[in-house]
C-alpha atoms as a PDB file:
ATOM      1  CA  MET A   1     -15.830  23.277  10.537  1.00  0.00           C
ATOM      2  CA  SER A   2     -16.142  20.782  13.374  1.00  0.00           C
ATOM      3  CA  ARG A   3     -12.962  19.841  15.244  1.00  0.00           C
ATOM      4  CA  ARG A   4     -14.634  16.581  16.231  1.00  0.00           C
ATOM      5  CA  PRO A   5     -15.955  15.520  12.831  1.00  0.00           C
ATOM      6  CA  THR A   6     -18.282  12.611  12.138  1.00  0.00           C
ATOM      7  CA  ILE A   7     -17.562  11.097   8.720  1.00  0.00           C
ATOM      8  CA  LEU A   8     -19.097   8.317   6.649  1.00  0.00           C
ATOM      9  CA  ALA A   9     -16.426   6.516   4.591  1.00  0.00           C
ATOM     10  CA  ILE A  10     -16.892   4.164   1.616  1.00  0.00           C
ATOM     11  CA  GLU A  11     -14.350   1.748   0.098  1.00  0.00           C
ATOM     12  CA  SER A  12     -14.933   0.146  -3.330  1.00  0.00           C
ATOM     13  CA  SER A  13     -11.540  -0.083  -5.030  1.00  0.00           C
ATOM     14  CA  CYS A  14     -11.710  -3.798  -5.879  1.00  0.00           C
ATOM     15  CA  ASP A  15     -14.076  -6.549  -4.743  1.00  0.00           C
ATOM     16  CA  GLU A  16     -15.002  -5.485  -1.193  1.00  0.00           C
ATOM     17  CA  THR A  17     -17.909  -3.117  -0.617  1.00  0.00           C
ATOM     18  CA  ALA A  18     -17.243  -1.435   2.711  1.00  0.00           C
ATOM     19  CA  ALA A  19     -18.530   1.443   4.803  1.00  0.00           C
ATOM     20  CA  ALA A  20     -17.456   2.848   8.152  1.00  0.00           C
ATOM     21  CA  VAL A  21     -18.282   5.746  10.426  1.00  0.00           C
ATOM     22  CA  ILE A  22     -15.603   7.649  12.317  1.00  0.00           C
ATOM     23  CA  GLN A  23     -16.259  10.273  14.994  1.00  0.00           C
ATOM     24  CA  ASP A  24     -13.491  12.436  16.405  1.00  0.00           C
ATOM     25  CA  GLY A  25     -10.929   9.901  15.219  1.00  0.00           C
ATOM     26  CA  HIS A  26     -12.710   6.887  16.740  1.00  0.00           C
ATOM     27  CA  ILE A  27     -14.192   4.135  14.564  1.00  0.00           C
ATOM     28  CA  LEU A  28     -17.864   3.569  15.414  1.00  0.00           C
ATOM     29  CA  SER A  29     -18.596   0.952  12.758  1.00  0.00           C
ATOM     30  CA  ASN A  30     -16.817  -0.973  10.013  1.00  0.00           C
ATOM     31  CA  ILE A  31     -18.926  -3.094   7.661  1.00  0.00           C
ATOM     32  CA  VAL A  32     -17.535  -5.167   4.766  1.00  0.00           C
ATOM     33  CA  ALA A  33     -19.435  -7.170   2.134  1.00  0.00           C
ATOM     34  CA  SER A  34     -17.267  -9.608   0.162  1.00  0.00           C
ATOM     35  CA  GLN A  35     -17.971 -10.869  -3.357  1.00  0.00           C
ATOM     36  CA  ASP A  36     -17.868 -14.648  -3.717  1.00  0.00           C
ATOM     37  CA  ILE A  37     -18.769 -14.587  -7.412  1.00  0.00           C
ATOM     38  CA  HIS A  38     -15.110 -14.208  -8.482  1.00  0.00           C
ATOM     39  CA  GLN A  39     -14.092 -17.600  -7.070  1.00  0.00           C
ATOM     40  CA  ARG A  40     -15.361 -19.474 -10.133  1.00  0.00           C
ATOM     41  CA  TYR A  41     -13.167 -17.338 -12.421  1.00  0.00           C
ATOM     42  CA  GLY A  42      -9.957 -17.543 -10.401  1.00  0.00           C
ATOM     43  CA  GLY A  43      -9.646 -13.752 -10.114  1.00  0.00           C
ATOM     44  CA  VAL A  44     -11.601 -10.517  -9.882  1.00  0.00           C
ATOM     45  CA  VAL A  45     -13.772  -9.771 -12.933  1.00  0.00           C
ATOM     46  CA  PRO A  46     -14.144  -5.950 -13.006  1.00  0.00           C
ATOM     47  CA  GLU A  47     -17.607  -5.865 -14.577  1.00  0.00           C
ATOM     48  CA  LEU A  48     -18.992  -8.375 -12.080  1.00  0.00           C
ATOM     49  CA  ALA A  49     -17.328  -6.490  -9.245  1.00  0.00           C
ATOM     50  CA  SER A  50     -19.015  -3.257 -10.357  1.00  0.00           C
ATOM     51  CA  ARG A  51     -22.444  -4.914 -10.420  1.00  0.00           C
ATOM     52  CA  ALA A  52     -21.920  -6.407  -6.974  1.00  0.00           C
ATOM     53  CA  HIS A  53     -20.910  -3.005  -5.580  1.00  0.00           C
ATOM     54  CA  GLN A  54     -24.148  -1.536  -6.920  1.00  0.00           C
ATOM     55  CA  GLN A  55     -26.106  -4.311  -5.210  1.00  0.00           C
ATOM     56  CA  HIS A  56     -24.295  -4.007  -1.871  1.00  0.00           C
ATOM     57  CA  ILE A  57     -23.525  -0.338  -1.381  1.00  0.00           C
ATOM     58  CA  VAL A  58     -26.893   0.900  -0.070  1.00  0.00           C
ATOM     59  CA  ILE A  59     -27.168  -2.037   2.333  1.00  0.00           C
ATOM     60  CA  VAL A  60     -23.587  -1.680   3.590  1.00  0.00           C
ATOM     61  CA  VAL A  61     -23.848   2.092   4.124  1.00  0.00           C
ATOM     62  CA  LYS A  62     -27.127   1.733   6.022  1.00  0.00           C
ATOM     63  CA  ALA A  63     -25.640  -1.037   8.176  1.00  0.00           C
ATOM     64  CA  ALA A  64     -22.603   1.108   9.016  1.00  0.00           C
ATOM     65  CA  MET A  65     -24.726   4.097  10.003  1.00  0.00           C
ATOM     66  CA  ASP A  66     -27.165   1.965  11.995  1.00  0.00           C
ATOM     67  CA  GLN A  67     -24.345   0.244  13.879  1.00  0.00           C
ATOM     68  CA  ALA A  68     -22.761   3.606  14.649  1.00  0.00           C
ATOM     69  CA  GLY A  69     -26.104   5.061  15.748  1.00  0.00           C
ATOM     70  CA  ILE A  70     -25.586   7.997  13.371  1.00  0.00           C
ATOM     71  CA  THR A  71     -28.110   9.734  11.121  1.00  0.00           C
ATOM     72  CA  SER A  72     -27.336  11.794   8.026  1.00  0.00           C
ATOM     73  CA  ASP A  73     -27.911  15.123   9.807  1.00  0.00           C
ATOM     74  CA  GLN A  74     -25.078  14.264  12.219  1.00  0.00           C
ATOM     75  CA  LEU A  75     -22.484  13.792   9.467  1.00  0.00           C
ATOM     76  CA  ASP A  76     -19.858  16.442   8.750  1.00  0.00           C
ATOM     77  CA  ALA A  77     -18.557  14.809   5.542  1.00  0.00           C
ATOM     78  CA  VAL A  78     -18.711  11.745   3.322  1.00  0.00           C
ATOM     79  CA  ALA A  79     -15.496  10.137   2.097  1.00  0.00           C
ATOM     80  CA  CYS A  80     -14.578   7.490  -0.453  1.00  0.00           C
ATOM     81  CA  THR A  81     -11.648   5.840  -2.176  1.00  0.00           C
ATOM     82  CA  GLN A  82     -10.542   7.741  -5.287  1.00  0.00           C
ATOM     83  CA  GLY A  83      -7.873   5.194  -6.258  1.00  0.00           C
ATOM     84  CA  PRO A  84      -5.820   3.353  -7.143  1.00  0.00           C
ATOM     85  CA  GLY A  85      -8.088   0.466  -8.052  1.00  0.00           C
ATOM     86  CA  LEU A  86     -10.428  -0.890 -10.739  1.00  0.00           C
ATOM     87  CA  MET A  87     -12.248   1.783 -12.752  1.00  0.00           C
ATOM     88  CA  GLY A  88     -15.756   0.299 -12.494  1.00  0.00           C
ATOM     89  CA  PRO A  89     -15.725  -0.370  -8.746  1.00  0.00           C
ATOM     90  CA  LEU A  90     -14.146   3.045  -8.052  1.00  0.00           C
ATOM     91  CA  LEU A  91     -16.850   4.745 -10.133  1.00  0.00           C
ATOM     92  CA  VAL A  92     -19.609   3.086  -8.111  1.00  0.00           C
ATOM     93  CA  GLY A  93     -18.224   4.245  -4.775  1.00  0.00           C
ATOM     94  CA  LEU A  94     -17.265   7.726  -5.956  1.00  0.00           C
ATOM     95  CA  SER A  95     -20.585   8.373  -7.741  1.00  0.00           C
ATOM     96  CA  PHE A  96     -22.564   7.198  -4.715  1.00  0.00           C
ATOM     97  CA  SER A  97     -20.481   9.370  -2.377  1.00  0.00           C
ATOM     98  CA  LYS A  98     -20.915  12.413  -4.620  1.00  0.00           C
ATOM     99  CA  ALA A  99     -24.685  11.896  -4.575  1.00  0.00           C
ATOM    100  CA  LEU A 100     -24.747  11.626  -0.773  1.00  0.00           C
ATOM    101  CA  ALA A 101     -22.626  14.768  -0.396  1.00  0.00           C
ATOM    102  CA  LEU A 102     -25.030  16.679  -2.648  1.00  0.00           C
ATOM    103  CA  ALA A 103     -28.190  15.294  -1.079  1.00  0.00           C
ATOM    104  CA  TRP A 104     -27.012  15.890   2.492  1.00  0.00           C
ATOM    105  CA  ASP A 105     -25.206  19.163   1.679  1.00  0.00           C
ATOM    106  CA  ILE A 106     -21.923  18.090   3.290  1.00  0.00           C
ATOM    107  CA  PRO A 107     -18.319  18.118   2.032  1.00  0.00           C
ATOM    108  CA  LEU A 108     -16.854  15.306  -0.053  1.00  0.00           C
ATOM    109  CA  ILE A 109     -13.421  13.854   0.788  1.00  0.00           C
ATOM    110  CA  THR A 110     -11.489  11.546  -1.548  1.00  0.00           C
ATOM    111  CA  VAL A 111      -8.803   9.210  -0.231  1.00  0.00           C
ATOM    112  CA  ASN A 112      -5.809   7.414  -1.724  1.00  0.00           C
ATOM    113  CA  HIS A 113      -6.241   3.703  -1.043  1.00  0.00           C
ATOM    114  CA  LEU A 114      -2.545   3.045  -0.361  1.00  0.00           C
ATOM    115  CA  GLN A 115      -2.236   6.054   1.901  1.00  0.00           C
ATOM    116  CA  ALA A 116      -5.224   4.718   3.826  1.00  0.00           C
ATOM    117  CA  HIS A 117      -3.517   1.338   4.330  1.00  0.00           C
ATOM    118  CA  VAL A 118      -0.642   3.157   6.034  1.00  0.00           C
ATOM    119  CA  LEU A 119      -2.965   5.292   8.152  1.00  0.00           C
ATOM    120  CA  ALA A 120      -4.749   2.159   9.380  1.00  0.00           C
ATOM    121  CA  HIS A 121      -1.977   2.088  11.999  1.00  0.00           C
ATOM    122  CA  PHE A 122      -3.574   5.122  13.664  1.00  0.00           C
ATOM    123  CA  ILE A 123      -6.984   3.562  14.219  1.00  0.00           C
ATOM    124  CA  GLU A 124      -5.996   2.168  17.600  1.00  0.00           C
ATOM    125  CA  GLU A 125      -3.049   1.743  19.936  1.00  0.00           C
ATOM    126  CA  PRO A 126      -0.167   1.120  19.635  1.00  0.00           C
ATOM    127  CA  ARG A 127       0.439   3.872  17.060  1.00  0.00           C
ATOM    128  CA  PRO A 128       3.810   4.473  15.383  1.00  0.00           C
ATOM    129  CA  SER A 129       5.592   7.798  15.719  1.00  0.00           C
ATOM    130  CA  PHE A 130       7.119   9.624  12.748  1.00  0.00           C
ATOM    131  CA  PRO A 131       9.168   8.858  10.799  1.00  0.00           C
ATOM    132  CA  PHE A 132       8.582   5.148  10.204  1.00  0.00           C
ATOM    133  CA  LEU A 133       8.974   2.656   7.375  1.00  0.00           C
ATOM    134  CA  CYS A 134       5.849   0.898   6.129  1.00  0.00           C
ATOM    135  CA  LEU A 135       5.887  -2.233   3.987  1.00  0.00           C
ATOM    136  CA  THR A 136       2.570  -2.135   2.131  1.00  0.00           C
ATOM    137  CA  VAL A 137       1.808  -5.537   0.605  1.00  0.00           C
ATOM    138  CA  SER A 138      -1.432  -6.531  -1.083  1.00  0.00           C
ATOM    139  CA  GLY A 139      -2.835  -8.213  -4.155  1.00  0.00           C
ATOM    140  CA  GLY A 140      -2.293  -5.110  -6.252  1.00  0.00           C
ATOM    141  CA  HIS A 141       0.675  -3.373  -4.660  1.00  0.00           C
ATOM    142  CA  THR A 142       4.002  -3.993  -2.953  1.00  0.00           C
ATOM    143  CA  GLN A 143       5.766  -0.859  -1.735  1.00  0.00           C
ATOM    144  CA  LEU A 144       8.248   0.340   0.842  1.00  0.00           C
ATOM    145  CA  ILE A 145       7.126   3.742   2.094  1.00  0.00           C
ATOM    146  CA  LEU A 146       9.012   6.220   4.244  1.00  0.00           C
ATOM    147  CA  VAL A 147       6.274   7.916   6.264  1.00  0.00           C
ATOM    148  CA  HIS A 148       7.325  11.407   7.335  1.00  0.00           C
ATOM    149  CA  ASP A 149       3.891  12.541   8.534  1.00  0.00           C
ATOM    150  CA  TYR A 150       0.206  11.655   8.206  1.00  0.00           C
ATOM    151  CA  LEU A 151      -0.008  12.979   4.656  1.00  0.00           C
ATOM    152  CA  GLN A 152       3.680  13.101   3.727  1.00  0.00           C
ATOM    153  CA  MET A 153       4.754   9.708   2.399  1.00  0.00           C
ATOM    154  CA  GLU A 154       7.655   8.795   0.119  1.00  0.00           C
ATOM    155  CA  VAL A 155       7.740   5.583  -1.937  1.00  0.00           C
ATOM    156  CA  ILE A 156      11.343   4.367  -1.711  1.00  0.00           C
ATOM    157  CA  GLY A 157      10.832   0.937  -3.262  1.00  0.00           C
ATOM    158  CA  GLU A 158       8.150  -0.990  -5.145  1.00  0.00           C
ATOM    159  CA  THR A 159       7.554  -4.098  -7.211  1.00  0.00           C
ATOM    160  CA  GLN A 160       8.725  -4.032 -10.805  1.00  0.00           C
ATOM    161  CA  ASP A 161       6.156  -6.625 -11.886  1.00  0.00           C
ATOM    162  CA  ASP A 162       3.706  -8.691  -9.830  1.00  0.00           C
ATOM    163  CA  ALA A 163       2.611  -7.735  -6.327  1.00  0.00           C
ATOM    164  CA  ALA A 164       3.278 -10.158  -3.471  1.00  0.00           C
ATOM    165  CA  GLY A 165      -0.393 -10.890  -2.873  1.00  0.00           C
ATOM    166  CA  GLU A 166      -0.967 -11.473  -6.576  1.00  0.00           C
ATOM    167  CA  VAL A 167       1.907 -13.973  -6.637  1.00  0.00           C
ATOM    168  CA  PHE A 168       0.497 -15.861  -3.649  1.00  0.00           C
ATOM    169  CA  ASP A 169      -2.901 -16.105  -5.371  1.00  0.00           C
ATOM    170  CA  LYS A 170      -1.331 -17.249  -8.659  1.00  0.00           C
ATOM    171  CA  ALA A 171       0.806 -19.812  -6.832  1.00  0.00           C
ATOM    172  CA  ALA A 172      -2.308 -21.143  -5.127  1.00  0.00           C
ATOM    173  CA  LYS A 173      -4.018 -21.460  -8.508  1.00  0.00           C
ATOM    174  CA  LEU A 174      -1.048 -23.462  -9.849  1.00  0.00           C
ATOM    175  CA  MET A 175      -1.573 -25.875  -6.958  1.00  0.00           C
ATOM    176  CA  GLY A 176      -5.285 -26.203  -7.628  1.00  0.00           C
ATOM    177  CA  LEU A 177      -6.411 -24.111  -4.671  1.00  0.00           C
ATOM    178  CA  PRO A 178      -9.488 -21.861  -4.966  1.00  0.00           C
ATOM    179  CA  TYR A 179      -9.340 -18.077  -5.364  1.00  0.00           C
ATOM    180  CA  PRO A 180      -8.313 -16.136  -3.376  1.00  0.00           C
ATOM    181  CA  GLY A 181      -5.640 -18.605  -2.320  1.00  0.00           C
ATOM    182  CA  GLY A 182      -3.052 -16.545  -0.471  1.00  0.00           C
ATOM    183  CA  HIS A 183      -4.497 -17.317   2.949  1.00  0.00           C
ATOM    184  CA  LEU A 184      -4.675 -21.012   2.029  1.00  0.00           C
ATOM    185  CA  ILE A 185      -0.948 -21.078   1.251  1.00  0.00           C
ATOM    186  CA  ASP A 186      -0.379 -19.557   4.694  1.00  0.00           C
ATOM    187  CA  ARG A 187      -2.579 -22.239   6.270  1.00  0.00           C
ATOM    188  CA  TYR A 188      -0.912 -25.196   4.517  1.00  0.00           C
ATOM    189  CA  ALA A 189       2.560 -23.723   5.129  1.00  0.00           C
ATOM    190  CA  LYS A 190       2.103 -24.054   8.878  1.00  0.00           C
ATOM    191  CA  GLU A 191       2.136 -27.841   8.413  1.00  0.00           C
ATOM    192  CA  GLY A 192       5.070 -27.934   5.981  1.00  0.00           C
ATOM    193  CA  ASN A 193       8.853 -27.666   5.872  1.00  0.00           C
ATOM    194  CA  PRO A 194      10.040 -24.287   4.490  1.00  0.00           C
ATOM    195  CA  GLN A 195      13.371 -25.881   3.525  1.00  0.00           C
ATOM    196  CA  ALA A 196      11.838 -28.787   1.592  1.00  0.00           C
ATOM    197  CA  PHE A 197      12.210 -27.129  -1.806  1.00  0.00           C
ATOM    198  CA  SER A 198      14.347 -24.275  -3.064  1.00  0.00           C
ATOM    199  CA  PHE A 199      13.138 -21.324  -5.138  1.00  0.00           C
ATOM    200  CA  PRO A 200      15.264 -18.391  -6.384  1.00  0.00           C
ATOM    201  CA  LEU A 201      15.480 -15.052  -4.594  1.00  0.00           C
ATOM    202  CA  ALA A 202      15.182 -12.195  -7.093  1.00  0.00           C
ATOM    203  CA  ASP A 203      18.176  -9.856  -7.311  1.00  0.00           C
ATOM    204  CA  VAL A 204      16.587  -6.442  -7.914  1.00  0.00           C
ATOM    205  CA  PRO A 205      18.480  -3.145  -7.555  1.00  0.00           C
ATOM    206  CA  ASP A 206      17.912  -0.681  -4.708  1.00  0.00           C
ATOM    207  CA  LEU A 207      14.800  -1.231  -2.593  1.00  0.00           C
ATOM    208  CA  ASN A 208      12.591  -2.538  -5.397  1.00  0.00           C
ATOM    209  CA  PHE A 209      10.970  -5.974  -5.619  1.00  0.00           C
ATOM    210  CA  SER A 210      10.351  -8.569  -8.323  1.00  0.00           C
ATOM    211  CA  PHE A 211       8.176 -11.643  -7.871  1.00  0.00           C
ATOM    212  CA  SER A 212       7.599 -12.813 -11.440  1.00  0.00           C
ATOM    213  CA  GLY A 213      10.745 -14.982 -11.336  1.00  0.00           C
ATOM    214  CA  VAL A 214       9.747 -17.005  -8.294  1.00  0.00           C
ATOM    215  CA  LYS A 215       6.250 -17.457  -9.748  1.00  0.00           C
ATOM    216  CA  THR A 216       7.718 -18.807 -12.996  1.00  0.00           C
ATOM    217  CA  ALA A 217      10.143 -21.014 -11.043  1.00  0.00           C
ATOM    218  CA  LEU A 218       7.200 -22.569  -9.191  1.00  0.00           C
ATOM    219  CA  LEU A 219       5.367 -23.173 -12.479  1.00  0.00           C
ATOM    220  CA  TYR A 220       8.314 -25.053 -14.040  1.00  0.00           C
ATOM    221  CA  PHE A 221       9.014 -26.897 -10.789  1.00  0.00           C
ATOM    222  CA  LEU A 222       5.443 -28.209 -10.631  1.00  0.00           C
ATOM    223  CA  GLN A 223       5.355 -29.083 -14.329  1.00  0.00           C
ATOM    224  CA  ASP A 224       8.526 -31.173 -14.017  1.00  0.00           C
ATOM    225  CA  ALA A 225       7.378 -32.843 -10.803  1.00  0.00           C
ATOM    226  CA  LEU A 226       3.951 -33.737 -12.214  1.00  0.00           C
ATOM    227  CA  LYS A 227       5.570 -35.475 -15.192  1.00  0.00           C
ATOM    228  CA  LYS A 228       7.066 -37.944 -12.723  1.00  0.00           C
ATOM    229  CA  ASP A 229       4.137 -38.171 -10.310  1.00  0.00           C
ATOM    230  CA  ASP A 230       0.568 -37.098 -11.098  1.00  0.00           C
ATOM    231  CA  HIS A 231      -0.134 -36.760  -7.382  1.00  0.00           C
ATOM    232  CA  PHE A 232       2.986 -34.773  -6.491  1.00  0.00           C
ATOM    233  CA  ILE A 233       1.109 -31.625  -5.434  1.00  0.00           C
ATOM    234  CA  GLU A 234      -1.397 -33.553  -3.364  1.00  0.00           C
ATOM    235  CA  LYS A 235       1.380 -35.452  -1.571  1.00  0.00           C
ATOM    236  CA  ASN A 236       3.612 -32.417  -0.990  1.00  0.00           C
ATOM    237  CA  ARG A 237       1.201 -29.467  -0.787  1.00  0.00           C
ATOM    238  CA  ALA A 238       2.208 -28.368   2.717  1.00  0.00           C
ATOM    239  CA  ASP A 239       5.935 -28.444   1.919  1.00  0.00           C
ATOM    240  CA  ILE A 240       5.446 -26.640  -1.409  1.00  0.00           C
ATOM    241  CA  CYS A 241       3.396 -23.918   0.283  1.00  0.00           C
ATOM    242  CA  ALA A 242       5.890 -23.575   3.127  1.00  0.00           C
ATOM    243  CA  SER A 243       8.883 -23.369   0.775  1.00  0.00           C
ATOM    244  CA  PHE A 244       7.252 -20.913  -1.608  1.00  0.00           C
ATOM    245  CA  GLN A 245       5.967 -18.712   1.201  1.00  0.00           C
ATOM    246  CA  HIS A 246       9.391 -18.759   2.864  1.00  0.00           C
ATOM    247  CA  THR A 247      10.990 -17.478  -0.356  1.00  0.00           C
ATOM    248  CA  VAL A 248       8.507 -14.619  -0.843  1.00  0.00           C
ATOM    249  CA  VAL A 249       8.741 -13.598   2.814  1.00  0.00           C
ATOM    250  CA  GLN A 250      12.549 -13.593   2.614  1.00  0.00           C
ATOM    251  CA  MET A 251      12.375 -11.275  -0.414  1.00  0.00           C
ATOM    252  CA  LEU A 252      10.184  -8.850   1.504  1.00  0.00           C
ATOM    253  CA  VAL A 253      12.172  -8.950   4.733  1.00  0.00           C
ATOM    254  CA  LEU A 254      15.548  -8.525   2.999  1.00  0.00           C
ATOM    255  CA  LYS A 255      14.347  -5.229   1.506  1.00  0.00           C
ATOM    256  CA  VAL A 256      12.959  -4.050   4.838  1.00  0.00           C
ATOM    257  CA  LYS A 257      16.313  -4.719   6.483  1.00  0.00           C
ATOM    258  CA  LYS A 258      18.082  -2.873   3.672  1.00  0.00           C
ATOM    259  CA  ALA A 259      15.696   0.086   4.012  1.00  0.00           C
ATOM    260  CA  VAL A 260      16.305   0.314   7.763  1.00  0.00           C
ATOM    261  CA  LYS A 261      20.048   0.356   7.139  1.00  0.00           C
ATOM    262  CA  GLN A 262      19.802   3.014   4.421  1.00  0.00           C
ATOM    263  CA  THR A 263      17.383   5.350   6.205  1.00  0.00           C
ATOM    264  CA  ASN A 264      18.443   4.661   9.807  1.00  0.00           C
ATOM    265  CA  VAL A 265      14.738   4.683  10.702  1.00  0.00           C
ATOM    266  CA  LYS A 266      14.220   2.328  13.633  1.00  0.00           C
ATOM    267  CA  SER A 267      10.452   1.974  13.410  1.00  0.00           C
ATOM    268  CA  ILE A 268       8.753  -0.375  10.920  1.00  0.00           C
ATOM    269  CA  ALA A 269       5.167  -1.270  10.098  1.00  0.00           C
ATOM    270  CA  ILE A 270       3.295  -3.487   7.662  1.00  0.00           C
ATOM    271  CA  ALA A 271      -0.007  -2.847   5.926  1.00  0.00           C
ATOM    272  CA  GLY A 272      -2.232  -4.360   3.235  1.00  0.00           C
ATOM    273  CA  GLY A 273      -3.798  -7.776   2.805  1.00  0.00           C
ATOM    274  CA  VAL A 274      -0.508  -9.721   2.871  1.00  0.00           C
ATOM    275  CA  ALA A 275       0.261  -8.064   6.215  1.00  0.00           C
ATOM    276  CA  ALA A 276      -2.112 -10.710   7.600  1.00  0.00           C
ATOM    277  CA  ASN A 277       0.339 -13.440   6.546  1.00  0.00           C
ATOM    278  CA  SER A 278       1.460 -15.208   9.722  1.00  0.00           C
ATOM    279  CA  ALA A 279       4.957 -16.052   8.454  1.00  0.00           C
ATOM    280  CA  LEU A 280       5.688 -12.463   7.441  1.00  0.00           C
ATOM    281  CA  ARG A 281       4.482 -11.179  10.803  1.00  0.00           C
ATOM    282  CA  ASP A 282       6.500 -13.773  12.698  1.00  0.00           C
ATOM    283  CA  VAL A 283       9.772 -13.158  10.837  1.00  0.00           C
ATOM    284  CA  LEU A 284       9.530  -9.366  11.071  1.00  0.00           C
ATOM    285  CA  ASN A 285       8.481  -9.504  14.710  1.00  0.00           C
ATOM    286  CA  LYS A 286      11.425 -11.697  15.727  1.00  0.00           C
ATOM    287  CA  TRP A 287      13.924  -9.668  13.726  1.00  0.00           C
ATOM    288  CA  ALA A 288      12.637  -6.327  15.042  1.00  0.00           C
ATOM    289  CA  HIS A 289      12.725  -7.604  18.631  1.00  0.00           C
ATOM    290  CA  HIS A 290      16.281  -8.890  18.191  1.00  0.00           C
ATOM    291  CA  GLU A 291      17.455  -5.584  16.658  1.00  0.00           C
ATOM    292  CA  GLY A 292      15.607  -3.372  19.133  1.00  0.00           C
ATOM    293  CA  ILE A 293      13.419  -1.904  16.394  1.00  0.00           C
ATOM    294  CA  GLN A 294       9.850  -0.753  17.028  1.00  0.00           C
ATOM    295  CA  TRP A 295       7.369  -2.942  15.182  1.00  0.00           C
ATOM    296  CA  PHE A 296       3.712  -2.289  14.288  1.00  0.00           C
ATOM    297  CA  ALA A 297       0.998  -4.328  12.565  1.00  0.00           C
ATOM    298  CA  PRO A 298      -2.725  -3.452  12.406  1.00  0.00           C
ATOM    299  CA  ARG A 299      -5.403  -5.800  13.588  1.00  0.00           C
ATOM    300  CA  MET A 300      -6.259  -8.356  10.867  1.00  0.00           C
ATOM    301  CA  GLU A 301      -9.564  -6.672   9.921  1.00  0.00           C
ATOM    302  CA  TYR A 302      -7.669  -3.454   9.171  1.00  0.00           C
ATOM    303  CA  CYS A 303      -5.128  -5.191   6.899  1.00  0.00           C
ATOM    304  CA  THR A 304      -7.488  -6.366   4.170  1.00  0.00           C
ATOM    305  CA  ASP A 305      -9.540  -3.798   2.235  1.00  0.00           C
ATOM    306  CA  ASN A 306     -11.913  -2.046   4.625  1.00  0.00           C
ATOM    307  CA  ALA A 307     -13.578   1.331   5.123  1.00  0.00           C
ATOM    308  CA  ALA A 308     -12.172   2.004   8.600  1.00  0.00           C
ATOM    309  CA  MET A 309      -8.814   2.849   7.057  1.00  0.00           C
ATOM    310  CA  ILE A 310     -10.553   5.148   4.536  1.00  0.00           C
ATOM    311  CA  ALA A 311     -12.343   6.795   7.451  1.00  0.00           C
ATOM    312  CA  MET A 312      -9.077   7.321   9.339  1.00  0.00           C
ATOM    313  CA  ALA A 313      -7.482   8.945   6.300  1.00  0.00           C
ATOM    314  CA  ALA A 314     -10.605  11.063   5.757  1.00  0.00           C
ATOM    315  CA  HIS A 315     -10.423  12.263   9.368  1.00  0.00           C
ATOM    316  CA  VAL A 316      -6.886  13.529   8.759  1.00  0.00           C
ATOM    317  CA  HIS A 317      -7.903  15.193   5.475  1.00  0.00           C
ATOM    318  CA  TYR A 318     -10.886  16.863   7.166  1.00  0.00           C
ATOM    319  CA  LEU A 319      -8.732  18.356   9.922  1.00  0.00           C
ATOM    320  CA  ASN A 320      -6.377  19.684   7.230  1.00  0.00           C
ATOM    321  CA  GLY A 321      -9.225  21.184   5.206  1.00  0.00           C
ATOM    322  CA  HIS A 322      -8.742  18.898   2.200  1.00  0.00           C
ATOM    323  CA  PHE A 323     -12.056  18.540   0.359  1.00  0.00           C
ATOM    324  CA  ALA A 324     -12.970  17.410  -3.155  1.00  0.00           C
ATOM    325  CA  THR A 325     -15.267  18.978  -5.740  1.00  0.00           C
ATOM    326  CA  GLN A 326     -18.058  17.307  -7.657  1.00  0.00           C
ATOM    327  CA  ASP A 327     -15.939  17.059 -10.811  1.00  0.00           C
ATOM    328  CA  VAL A 328     -13.416  14.681  -9.177  1.00  0.00           C
ATOM    329  CA  VAL A 329     -12.783  11.437 -11.103  1.00  0.00           C
ATOM    330  CA  PRO A 330     -11.330   8.028 -10.177  1.00  0.00           C
ATOM    331  CA  GLU A 331      -7.567   7.513 -10.330  1.00  0.00           C
ATOM    332  CA  VAL A 332      -7.001   3.940 -11.459  1.00  0.00           C
ATOM    333  CA  ARG A 333      -3.235   4.197 -11.064  1.00  0.00           C
ATOM    334  CA  GLN A 334      -1.243   5.767  -8.285  1.00  0.00           C
ATOM    335  CA  LYS A 335       0.117   9.217  -9.027  1.00  0.00           C
ATOM    336  CA  ARG A 336       3.906   9.353  -9.215  1.00  0.00           C
END
């Protein structure tokens, strides 16, 4: 087994078809193909996502290998996302990876998508040291994770209903913004007043989260306001976005602060698509600096779904001798 492995990694858990090549822990390429077809439906349609993955995967894998300057005979393993995610998209990536492993006679490695988001912090400097707390926030997941080691992670808090990214997208839809709308809320919020309107902070026990209440509060708030003024959203979009975003960010940051106090871990990180949110980064950065806490955030391209993070996780699994068999199946939900 090579101690400087070259691995092809594939990500297909939702609506991004991605491939990357990693060599001795260094990313050589990272290619992502997005799916615009879901915009007209206001959310990801699993069947359409599966078809798009089938259309993109050969092209994306070839592009990743060409960019890396790597041929199949130079690969030590092929890796892919096993879950959590959508069944159809996961099946496309896993089936394709199995076929490549068989055809090229190399080991297969399967990766947990959420674990990979955390390990994205090790793609490049600065890298956190263990233990550290990671707030993983995306369209499908919101978790607080105590990271003891590369492959030893403990979920100490998670959402009891909607994920933060999902709530941002649903809020954007309520305001008539296109899908995915989370980044648009962030953009409009920069021009608005975060104190213009007030939304409730959920009171959830321990280190868990709940975002369904603030989503419902926004719905009723907009319904009442539109009864008085048909153009209320258009006139106040920036302030609504800023106020709503401020509330969600406060919910996230309050739990991070509580986790630091409970665990006495003085190193925090964020991961996942919502980790690209400028307000969340700014608030956590200022607080961490004020408290003397180490603070880490991946480059933007490593926050959203990508194959570089799958490759980084696969590199760690390879060095630990963790390989999958051909009878492996997708895991739609995260194992508890």
